[in-house]
Amino acid sequence: MSTADFWRIGRFIESRVICASVVRPLHEDRRNILIQSLARGNSMENLAGVVRLLRKEQDRLNKQLHGIGAALAAFGNTYGKGTGTRTLSASARARIAAAQRARWAKVRANAGAPAKVVPIRGKRTLSAAARKRIAAAQRARWAKVKAGKKTA
């Protein structure tokens, strides 16, 4: 906070004739702070008292934040996203390595044999006669639908 801010606070307190010396939390939730006004006195002493009490409140809130941070650290490992690295046992790594070696051995053993080539079929096309039959059948279906509508 700059010196200008302190002067602005001091002027606000003097203009409202508030001589604050007690900062006490309202109710049990400690979220709203009531500055009780007392009789007039030395405004600089009152301002120093306000600053002292605000620092106490800041310390209390810092302790609460530290507690919340500790709780998050404790539960974060258990309920977090689990983006950490997994560690495998030596026997698991050995099994994975043996399986991979077996796969490569199988590939190398089959390298001498010619690969089985599967031809890719070309795109099939309909003959002109087949297209004419399909079109005639579709026209017959539509004629039946239209005839049913005329009688209804």
C-alpha atoms as a PDB file:
ATOM      1  CA  MET A   1       0.000   0.000   0.000  1.00  0.00           C
ATOM      2  CA  SER A   2       1.420   3.386  -0.941  1.00  0.00           C
ATOM      3  CA  THR A   3       1.592   6.516   1.202  1.00  0.00           C
ATOM      4  CA  ALA A   4      -1.194   8.074  -0.867  1.00  0.00           C
ATOM      5  CA  ASP A   5      -3.441   5.136   0.031  1.00  0.00           C
ATOM      6  CA  PHE A   6      -2.732   5.675   3.731  1.00  0.00           C
ATOM      7  CA  TRP A   7      -3.532   9.366   3.406  1.00  0.00           C
ATOM      8  CA  ARG A   8      -6.745   8.565   1.528  1.00  0.00           C
ATOM      9  CA  ILE A   9      -7.810   6.131   4.274  1.00  0.00           C
ATOM     10  CA  GLY A  10      -6.935   8.680   6.939  1.00  0.00           C
ATOM     11  CA  ARG A  11      -8.995  11.375   5.206  1.00  0.00           C
ATOM     12  CA  PHE A  12     -11.924   8.962   4.790  1.00  0.00           C
ATOM     13  CA  ILE A  13     -11.843   8.088   8.471  1.00  0.00           C
ATOM     14  CA  GLU A  14     -11.623  11.741   9.510  1.00  0.00           C
ATOM     15  CA  SER A  15     -14.393  12.795   7.099  1.00  0.00           C
ATOM     16  CA  ARG A  16     -16.747  10.168   8.483  1.00  0.00           C
ATOM     17  CA  VAL A  17     -15.700  10.978  12.053  1.00  0.00           C
ATOM     18  CA  ILE A  18     -14.933   7.315  12.614  1.00  0.00           C
ATOM     19  CA  CYS A  19     -12.293   6.641  15.164  1.00  0.00           C
ATOM     20  CA  ALA A  20     -11.798   2.944  14.681  1.00  0.00           C
ATOM     21  CA  SER A  21      -9.899   0.965  17.203  1.00  0.00           C
ATOM     22  CA  VAL A  22     -11.630  -2.417  17.306  1.00  0.00           C
ATOM     23  CA  VAL A  23     -11.981  -4.805  14.382  1.00  0.00           C
ATOM     24  CA  ARG A  24     -14.202  -7.714  15.322  1.00  0.00           C
ATOM     25  CA  PRO A  25     -15.702 -10.429  13.097  1.00  0.00           C
ATOM     26  CA  LEU A  26     -19.494 -10.470  12.807  1.00  0.00           C
ATOM     27  CA  HIS A  27     -21.314 -13.684  13.640  1.00  0.00           C
ATOM     28  CA  GLU A  28     -19.545 -17.032  13.400  1.00  0.00           C
ATOM     29  CA  ASP A  29     -18.583 -16.924   9.714  1.00  0.00           C
ATOM     30  CA  ARG A  30     -15.848 -14.284  10.204  1.00  0.00           C
ATOM     31  CA  ARG A  31     -16.369 -12.964   6.706  1.00  0.00           C
ATOM     32  CA  ASN A  32     -17.850  -9.566   7.450  1.00  0.00           C
ATOM     33  CA  ILE A  33     -15.735  -7.218   9.504  1.00  0.00           C
ATOM     34  CA  LEU A  34     -17.311  -4.505  11.614  1.00  0.00           C
ATOM     35  CA  ILE A  35     -15.254  -1.477  12.505  1.00  0.00           C
ATOM     36  CA  GLN A  36     -16.848  -0.115  15.633  1.00  0.00           C
ATOM     37  CA  SER A  37     -16.718   3.604  16.014  1.00  0.00           C
ATOM     38  CA  LEU A  38     -15.666   5.038  19.345  1.00  0.00           C
ATOM     39  CA  ALA A  39     -15.416   8.554  20.700  1.00  0.00           C
ATOM     40  CA  ARG A  40     -13.185  11.067  18.978  1.00  0.00           C
ATOM     41  CA  GLY A  41      -9.513  10.870  19.751  1.00  0.00           C
ATOM     42  CA  ASN A  42      -6.141  11.074  18.076  1.00  0.00           C
ATOM     43  CA  SER A  43      -6.818   9.930  14.505  1.00  0.00           C
ATOM     44  CA  MET A  44      -3.214   8.763  13.895  1.00  0.00           C
ATOM     45  CA  GLU A  45      -3.342   6.460  16.915  1.00  0.00           C
ATOM     46  CA  ASN A  46      -6.690   5.127  15.730  1.00  0.00           C
ATOM     47  CA  LEU A  47      -5.317   4.607  12.236  1.00  0.00           C
ATOM     48  CA  ALA A  48      -2.343   2.724  13.668  1.00  0.00           C
ATOM     49  CA  GLY A  49      -4.797   0.582  15.618  1.00  0.00           C
ATOM     50  CA  VAL A  50      -6.759  -0.144  12.474  1.00  0.00           C
ATOM     51  CA  VAL A  51      -3.579  -1.146  10.644  1.00  0.00           C
ATOM     52  CA  ARG A  52      -2.546  -3.389  13.555  1.00  0.00           C
ATOM     53  CA  LEU A  53      -5.936  -5.107  13.620  1.00  0.00           C
ATOM     54  CA  LEU A  54      -5.977  -5.525   9.843  1.00  0.00           C
ATOM     55  CA  ARG A  55      -2.557  -7.202  10.049  1.00  0.00           C
ATOM     56  CA  LYS A  56      -3.937  -9.581  12.696  1.00  0.00           C
ATOM     57  CA  GLU A  57      -6.821 -10.431  10.386  1.00  0.00           C
ATOM     58  CA  GLN A  58      -4.384 -10.930   7.517  1.00  0.00           C
ATOM     59  CA  ASP A  59      -2.324 -13.350   9.636  1.00  0.00           C
ATOM     60  CA  ARG A  60      -5.465 -15.289  10.565  1.00  0.00           C
ATOM     61  CA  LEU A  61      -6.500 -15.556   6.925  1.00  0.00           C
ATOM     62  CA  ASN A  62      -2.984 -16.620   5.901  1.00  0.00           C
ATOM     63  CA  LYS A  63      -3.142 -19.424   8.473  1.00  0.00           C
ATOM     64  CA  GLN A  64      -6.482 -20.557   7.046  1.00  0.00           C
ATOM     65  CA  LEU A  65      -5.084 -20.484   3.508  1.00  0.00           C
ATOM     66  CA  HIS A  66      -2.075 -22.504   4.655  1.00  0.00           C
ATOM     67  CA  GLY A  67      -4.447 -25.085   6.159  1.00  0.00           C
ATOM     68  CA  ILE A  68      -6.441 -25.278   2.947  1.00  0.00           C
ATOM     69  CA  GLY A  69      -3.227 -25.691   0.960  1.00  0.00           C
ATOM     70  CA  ALA A  70      -2.137 -28.531   3.240  1.00  0.00           C
ATOM     71  CA  ALA A  71      -5.527 -30.240   2.819  1.00  0.00           C
ATOM     72  CA  LEU A  72      -5.304 -29.925  -0.964  1.00  0.00           C
ATOM     73  CA  ALA A  73      -1.808 -31.349  -0.914  1.00  0.00           C
ATOM     74  CA  ALA A  74      -2.984 -34.292   1.175  1.00  0.00           C
ATOM     75  CA  PHE A  75      -6.065 -35.071  -0.901  1.00  0.00           C
ATOM     76  CA  GLY A  76      -4.632 -33.976  -4.252  1.00  0.00           C
ATOM     77  CA  ASN A  77      -2.506 -37.101  -4.564  1.00  0.00           C
ATOM     78  CA  THR A  78      -5.453 -39.360  -3.817  1.00  0.00           C
ATOM     79  CA  TYR A  79      -8.177 -37.619  -5.812  1.00  0.00           C
ATOM     80  CA  GLY A  80      -6.148 -35.797  -8.435  1.00  0.00           C
ATOM     81  CA  LYS A  81      -6.166 -36.361 -12.172  1.00  0.00           C
ATOM     82  CA  GLY A  82      -3.449 -38.981 -11.883  1.00  0.00           C
ATOM     83  CA  THR A  83      -1.199 -37.399 -14.491  1.00  0.00           C
ATOM     84  CA  GLY A  84       1.955 -38.560 -12.716  1.00  0.00           C
ATOM     85  CA  THR A  85       4.243 -41.215 -14.116  1.00  0.00           C
ATOM     86  CA  ARG A  86       3.690 -44.851 -13.233  1.00  0.00           C
ATOM     87  CA  THR A  87       6.576 -46.996 -12.162  1.00  0.00           C
ATOM     88  CA  LEU A  88       6.753 -50.619 -13.220  1.00  0.00           C
ATOM     89  CA  SER A  89       8.450 -53.327 -11.265  1.00  0.00           C
ATOM     90  CA  ALA A  90      11.609 -54.895 -12.660  1.00  0.00           C
ATOM     91  CA  SER A  91       9.789 -58.173 -13.356  1.00  0.00           C
ATOM     92  CA  ALA A  92       7.039 -56.354 -15.286  1.00  0.00           C
ATOM     93  CA  ARG A  93       9.628 -54.537 -17.406  1.00  0.00           C
ATOM     94  CA  ALA A  94      11.382 -57.855 -18.040  1.00  0.00           C
ATOM     95  CA  ARG A  95       8.116 -59.501 -19.186  1.00  0.00           C
ATOM     96  CA  ILE A  96       7.349 -56.588 -21.529  1.00  0.00           C
ATOM     97  CA  ALA A  97      10.882 -56.684 -22.968  1.00  0.00           C
ATOM     98  CA  ALA A  98      10.708 -60.476 -23.508  1.00  0.00           C
ATOM     99  CA  ALA A  99       7.362 -60.170 -25.297  1.00  0.00           C
ATOM    100  CA  GLN A 100       8.736 -57.435 -27.564  1.00  0.00           C
ATOM    101  CA  ARG A 101      11.832 -59.514 -28.362  1.00  0.00           C
ATOM    102  CA  ALA A 102       9.559 -62.438 -29.267  1.00  0.00           C
ATOM    103  CA  ARG A 103       7.517 -60.211 -31.587  1.00  0.00           C
ATOM    104  CA  TRP A 104      10.637 -58.983 -33.375  1.00  0.00           C
ATOM    105  CA  ALA A 105      11.979 -62.542 -33.668  1.00  0.00           C
ATOM    106  CA  LYS A 106       8.719 -63.585 -35.332  1.00  0.00           C
ATOM    107  CA  VAL A 107       8.945 -60.675 -37.796  1.00  0.00           C
ATOM    108  CA  ARG A 108      12.564 -61.510 -38.642  1.00  0.00           C
ATOM    109  CA  ALA A 109      11.763 -65.207 -39.108  1.00  0.00           C
ATOM    110  CA  ASN A 110       9.017 -64.355 -41.599  1.00  0.00           C
ATOM    111  CA  ALA A 111      11.196 -61.829 -43.434  1.00  0.00           C
ATOM    112  CA  GLY A 112      12.647 -64.560 -45.700  1.00  0.00           C
ATOM    113  CA  ALA A 113       9.201 -65.807 -46.757  1.00  0.00           C
ATOM    114  CA  PRO A 114       7.328 -63.821 -49.378  1.00  0.00           C
ATOM    115  CA  ALA A 115       4.546 -61.734 -47.953  1.00  0.00           C
ATOM    116  CA  LYS A 116       1.021 -62.770 -48.828  1.00  0.00           C
ATOM    117  CA  VAL A 117      -0.306 -60.140 -51.204  1.00  0.00           C
ATOM    118  CA  VAL A 118      -4.035 -59.514 -51.043  1.00  0.00           C
ATOM    119  CA  PRO A 119      -5.329 -57.751 -54.140  1.00  0.00           C
ATOM    120  CA  ILE A 120      -7.585 -54.777 -53.570  1.00  0.00           C
ATOM    121  CA  ARG A 121     -10.782 -55.102 -55.517  1.00  0.00           C
ATOM    122  CA  GLY A 122     -11.639 -52.291 -57.867  1.00  0.00           C
ATOM    123  CA  LYS A 123     -14.757 -50.243 -57.605  1.00  0.00           C
ATOM    124  CA  ARG A 124     -17.754 -52.119 -59.014  1.00  0.00           C
ATOM    125  CA  THR A 125     -20.005 -50.500 -61.591  1.00  0.00           C
ATOM    126  CA  LEU A 126     -23.453 -51.429 -62.799  1.00  0.00           C
ATOM    127  CA  SER A 127     -24.058 -52.270 -66.406  1.00  0.00           C
ATOM    128  CA  ALA A 128     -26.430 -50.113 -68.437  1.00  0.00           C
ATOM    129  CA  ALA A 129     -29.018 -52.933 -68.541  1.00  0.00           C
ATOM    130  CA  ALA A 130     -28.939 -53.299 -64.738  1.00  0.00           C
ATOM    131  CA  ARG A 131     -29.437 -49.544 -64.293  1.00  0.00           C
ATOM    132  CA  LYS A 132     -32.431 -49.640 -66.685  1.00  0.00           C
ATOM    133  CA  ARG A 133     -34.029 -52.511 -64.740  1.00  0.00           C
ATOM    134  CA  ILE A 134     -33.581 -50.675 -61.421  1.00  0.00           C
ATOM    135  CA  ALA A 135     -35.020 -47.447 -62.874  1.00  0.00           C
ATOM    136  CA  ALA A 136     -38.045 -49.337 -64.323  1.00  0.00           C
ATOM    137  CA  ALA A 137     -38.700 -51.026 -60.972  1.00  0.00           C
ATOM    138  CA  GLN A 138     -38.521 -47.658 -59.170  1.00  0.00           C
ATOM    139  CA  ARG A 139     -40.936 -46.079 -61.660  1.00  0.00           C
ATOM    140  CA  ALA A 140     -43.347 -48.957 -61.065  1.00  0.00           C
ATOM    141  CA  ARG A 141     -43.157 -48.447 -57.291  1.00  0.00           C
ATOM    142  CA  TRP A 142     -43.855 -44.727 -57.604  1.00  0.00           C
ATOM    143  CA  ALA A 143     -46.751 -45.394 -60.004  1.00  0.00           C
ATOM    144  CA  LYS A 144     -48.303 -47.704 -57.416  1.00  0.00           C
ATOM    145  CA  VAL A 145     -47.928 -45.036 -54.682  1.00  0.00           C
ATOM    146  CA  LYS A 146     -49.488 -42.341 -56.895  1.00  0.00           C
ATOM    147  CA  ALA A 147     -52.359 -44.657 -57.882  1.00  0.00           C
ATOM    148  CA  GLY A 148     -53.065 -45.306 -54.186  1.00  0.00           C
ATOM    149  CA  LYS A 149     -53.261 -41.542 -53.515  1.00  0.00           C
ATOM    150  CA  LYS A 150     -55.719 -40.935 -56.394  1.00  0.00           C
ATOM    151  CA  THR A 151     -58.195 -43.531 -55.078  1.00  0.00           C
ATOM    152  CA  ALA A 152     -57.987 -42.237 -51.479  1.00  0.00           C
END
